[in-house]
Amino acid sequence: MVNREKVQTAVARLLLEQIRRDTYPSATHMAMLEQTIPPDLLGEYLTVLLTKVADDQWPSIPMLRRIQRITSSL
């Protein structure tokens, strides 16, 4: 039997890995992940985004705003 929570977690992990691999991750992938991310993956996701911003000489304003929006909802 398929468990919705397990499937959502599996999809979230796939999206998180894609976002981690991409130098400039897709806004669509990030939005999809943010809609269904399980609480136990949120810290890892924020770490991925913060690392991308820290590694970029000129971090994107949309990425910084995304991080602010996520952290303000914690």
N, C-alpha and C. Protein backbone atom coordinates (compact mmCIF):
# COMPACT_ATOMS: atom_id res chain seq x y z
N MET A 1 0.83 -1.18 0.00
CA MET A 1 0.00 0.00 0.00
C MET A 1 0.88 1.25 0.00
N VAL A 2 0.47 2.25 -0.76
CA VAL A 2 1.23 3.49 -0.87
C VAL A 2 0.83 4.43 0.26
N ASN A 3 1.84 4.95 0.94
CA ASN A 3 1.63 5.88 2.03
C ASN A 3 1.98 7.28 1.51
N ARG A 4 1.01 8.18 1.55
CA ARG A 4 1.20 9.54 1.00
C ARG A 4 2.40 10.23 1.62
N GLU A 5 2.57 10.11 2.92
CA GLU A 5 3.67 10.77 3.61
C GLU A 5 5.03 10.25 3.12
N LYS A 6 5.13 8.93 2.91
CA LYS A 6 6.39 8.35 2.42
C LYS A 6 6.70 8.80 1.01
N VAL A 7 5.67 8.89 0.18
CA VAL A 7 5.87 9.35 -1.19
C VAL A 7 6.29 10.81 -1.20
N GLN A 8 5.64 11.64 -0.40
CA GLN A 8 6.00 13.06 -0.32
C GLN A 8 7.45 13.22 0.15
N THR A 9 7.85 12.42 1.12
CA THR A 9 9.22 12.48 1.61
C THR A 9 10.20 12.05 0.52
N ALA A 10 9.86 11.00 -0.22
CA ALA A 10 10.73 10.53 -1.31
C ALA A 10 10.87 11.60 -2.38
N VAL A 11 9.77 12.23 -2.76
CA VAL A 11 9.82 13.30 -3.77
C VAL A 11 10.62 14.48 -3.24
N ALA A 12 10.42 14.83 -1.97
CA ALA A 12 11.16 15.93 -1.35
C ALA A 12 12.66 15.65 -1.38
N ARG A 13 13.05 14.44 -1.08
CA ARG A 13 14.48 14.07 -1.10
C ARG A 13 15.05 14.18 -2.52
N LEU A 14 14.28 13.74 -3.51
CA LEU A 14 14.73 13.86 -4.91
C LEU A 14 14.92 15.32 -5.31
N LEU A 15 13.94 16.14 -4.96
CA LEU A 15 14.05 17.57 -5.28
C LEU A 15 15.22 18.21 -4.54
N LEU A 16 15.40 17.86 -3.27
CA LEU A 16 16.48 18.43 -2.48
C LEU A 16 17.83 18.07 -3.10
N GLU A 17 17.99 16.85 -3.54
CA GLU A 17 19.26 16.44 -4.16
C GLU A 17 19.49 17.17 -5.48
N GLN A 18 18.43 17.38 -6.26
CA GLN A 18 18.55 18.12 -7.52
C GLN A 18 18.97 19.56 -7.24
N ILE A 19 18.34 20.17 -6.24
CA ILE A 19 18.67 21.54 -5.86
C ILE A 19 20.11 21.62 -5.37
N ARG A 20 20.53 20.64 -4.60
CA ARG A 20 21.91 20.61 -4.09
C ARG A 20 22.92 20.52 -5.25
N ARG A 21 22.63 19.72 -6.26
CA ARG A 21 23.55 19.50 -7.39
C ARG A 21 23.63 20.70 -8.33
N ASP A 22 22.52 21.39 -8.51
CA ASP A 22 22.48 22.49 -9.48
C ASP A 22 23.18 23.73 -8.94
N THR A 23 24.03 24.31 -9.76
CA THR A 23 24.67 25.57 -9.36
C THR A 23 23.62 26.65 -9.16
N TYR A 24 22.70 26.72 -10.09
CA TYR A 24 21.59 27.67 -10.02
C TYR A 24 20.30 26.86 -10.07
N PRO A 25 19.79 26.47 -8.92
CA PRO A 25 18.63 25.58 -8.89
C PRO A 25 17.37 26.23 -9.47
N SER A 26 16.53 25.39 -9.99
CA SER A 26 15.28 25.82 -10.58
C SER A 26 14.34 26.39 -9.52
N ALA A 27 13.79 27.56 -9.82
CA ALA A 27 12.81 28.16 -8.90
C ALA A 27 11.58 27.26 -8.78
N THR A 28 11.25 26.57 -9.85
CA THR A 28 10.11 25.65 -9.82
C THR A 28 10.38 24.48 -8.88
N HIS A 29 11.58 23.91 -8.96
CA HIS A 29 11.94 22.81 -8.05
C HIS A 29 11.90 23.27 -6.60
N MET A 30 12.43 24.47 -6.34
CA MET A 30 12.44 24.97 -4.96
C MET A 30 11.01 25.21 -4.47
N ALA A 31 10.17 25.77 -5.32
CA ALA A 31 8.78 26.01 -4.93
C ALA A 31 8.05 24.70 -4.66
N MET A 32 8.28 23.70 -5.52
CA MET A 32 7.64 22.40 -5.32
C MET A 32 8.09 21.78 -3.99
N LEU A 33 9.38 21.87 -3.71
CA LEU A 33 9.90 21.32 -2.46
C LEU A 33 9.29 22.05 -1.26
N GLU A 34 9.23 23.35 -1.32
CA GLU A 34 8.71 24.14 -0.20
C GLU A 34 7.23 23.85 0.07
N GLN A 35 6.50 23.41 -0.92
CA GLN A 35 5.08 23.09 -0.72
C GLN A 35 4.88 21.82 0.09
N THR A 36 5.85 20.90 0.02
CA THR A 36 5.62 19.59 0.65
C THR A 36 6.77 19.12 1.53
N ILE A 37 7.73 19.98 1.82
CA ILE A 37 8.91 19.53 2.56
C ILE A 37 8.54 19.07 3.97
N PRO A 38 8.99 17.88 4.35
CA PRO A 38 8.75 17.43 5.72
C PRO A 38 9.61 18.25 6.69
N PRO A 39 9.13 18.49 7.89
CA PRO A 39 9.88 19.31 8.85
C PRO A 39 11.31 18.82 9.10
N ASP A 40 11.53 17.51 9.04
CA ASP A 40 12.88 17.01 9.33
C ASP A 40 13.87 17.30 8.20
N LEU A 41 13.41 17.73 7.03
CA LEU A 41 14.32 18.09 5.94
C LEU A 41 14.51 19.60 5.79
N LEU A 42 13.75 20.37 6.54
CA LEU A 42 13.80 21.83 6.39
C LEU A 42 15.18 22.39 6.72
N GLY A 43 15.79 21.93 7.80
CA GLY A 43 17.12 22.41 8.17
C GLY A 43 18.15 22.10 7.10
N GLU A 44 18.08 20.92 6.53
CA GLU A 44 19.00 20.52 5.46
C GLU A 44 18.80 21.40 4.23
N TYR A 45 17.54 21.67 3.91
CA TYR A 45 17.23 22.53 2.76
C TYR A 45 17.80 23.94 2.97
N LEU A 46 17.59 24.49 4.15
CA LEU A 46 18.13 25.83 4.44
C LEU A 46 19.66 25.83 4.37
N THR A 47 20.28 24.77 4.83
CA THR A 47 21.74 24.67 4.76
C THR A 47 22.20 24.67 3.31
N VAL A 48 21.50 23.95 2.44
CA VAL A 48 21.83 23.91 1.02
C VAL A 48 21.73 25.32 0.43
N LEU A 49 20.63 26.01 0.73
CA LEU A 49 20.45 27.36 0.18
C LEU A 49 21.49 28.33 0.72
N LEU A 50 21.76 28.27 2.02
CA LEU A 50 22.76 29.16 2.61
C LEU A 50 24.14 28.90 2.05
N THR A 51 24.47 27.65 1.79
CA THR A 51 25.76 27.31 1.20
C THR A 51 25.87 27.89 -0.20
N LYS A 52 24.79 27.80 -0.97
CA LYS A 52 24.81 28.35 -2.32
C LYS A 52 25.02 29.87 -2.28
N VAL A 53 24.36 30.54 -1.37
CA VAL A 53 24.51 32.00 -1.23
C VAL A 53 25.92 32.34 -0.79
N ALA A 54 26.46 31.59 0.17
CA ALA A 54 27.80 31.87 0.68
C ALA A 54 28.87 31.62 -0.39
N ASP A 55 28.63 30.65 -1.27
CA ASP A 55 29.61 30.31 -2.31
C ASP A 55 29.53 31.22 -3.53
N ASP A 56 28.52 32.05 -3.61
CA ASP A 56 28.31 32.90 -4.78
C ASP A 56 28.82 34.31 -4.49
N GLN A 57 29.69 34.81 -5.36
CA GLN A 57 30.23 36.15 -5.14
C GLN A 57 29.14 37.21 -5.15
N TRP A 58 28.14 37.01 -6.00
CA TRP A 58 27.01 37.92 -6.08
C TRP A 58 25.72 37.12 -5.93
N PRO A 59 25.36 36.79 -4.70
CA PRO A 59 24.15 35.96 -4.51
C PRO A 59 22.91 36.67 -5.04
N SER A 60 22.00 35.86 -5.56
CA SER A 60 20.80 36.44 -6.15
C SER A 60 19.86 36.96 -5.07
N ILE A 61 19.24 38.07 -5.37
CA ILE A 61 18.27 38.66 -4.46
C ILE A 61 17.08 37.71 -4.27
N PRO A 62 16.56 37.08 -5.33
CA PRO A 62 15.46 36.13 -5.11
C PRO A 62 15.84 34.99 -4.16
N MET A 63 17.08 34.50 -4.23
CA MET A 63 17.50 33.43 -3.33
C MET A 63 17.56 33.93 -1.89
N LEU A 64 18.10 35.12 -1.70
CA LEU A 64 18.14 35.70 -0.36
C LEU A 64 16.73 35.92 0.20
N ARG A 65 15.84 36.39 -0.64
CA ARG A 65 14.45 36.59 -0.21
C ARG A 65 13.77 35.26 0.12
N ARG A 66 14.08 34.24 -0.64
CA ARG A 66 13.53 32.90 -0.40
C ARG A 66 13.96 32.42 0.99
N ILE A 67 15.25 32.58 1.30
CA ILE A 67 15.76 32.17 2.61
C ILE A 67 15.07 32.97 3.71
N GLN A 68 14.92 34.26 3.53
CA GLN A 68 14.23 35.09 4.52
C GLN A 68 12.79 34.63 4.72
N ARG A 69 12.10 34.35 3.63
CA ARG A 69 10.71 33.91 3.72
C ARG A 69 10.58 32.59 4.47
N ILE A 70 11.48 31.66 4.18
CA ILE A 70 11.42 30.36 4.84
C ILE A 70 11.72 30.51 6.33
N THR A 71 12.75 31.28 6.66
CA THR A 71 13.11 31.41 8.07
C THR A 71 12.08 32.20 8.86
N SER A 72 11.38 33.11 8.21
CA SER A 72 10.36 33.87 8.93
C SER A 72 9.14 33.01 9.28
N SER A 73 9.00 31.89 8.56
CA SER A 73 7.87 31.01 8.86
C SER A 73 8.20 29.94 9.89
N LEU A 74 9.43 29.93 10.37
CA LEU A 74 9.82 28.91 11.37
C LEU A 74 9.23 29.23 12.74
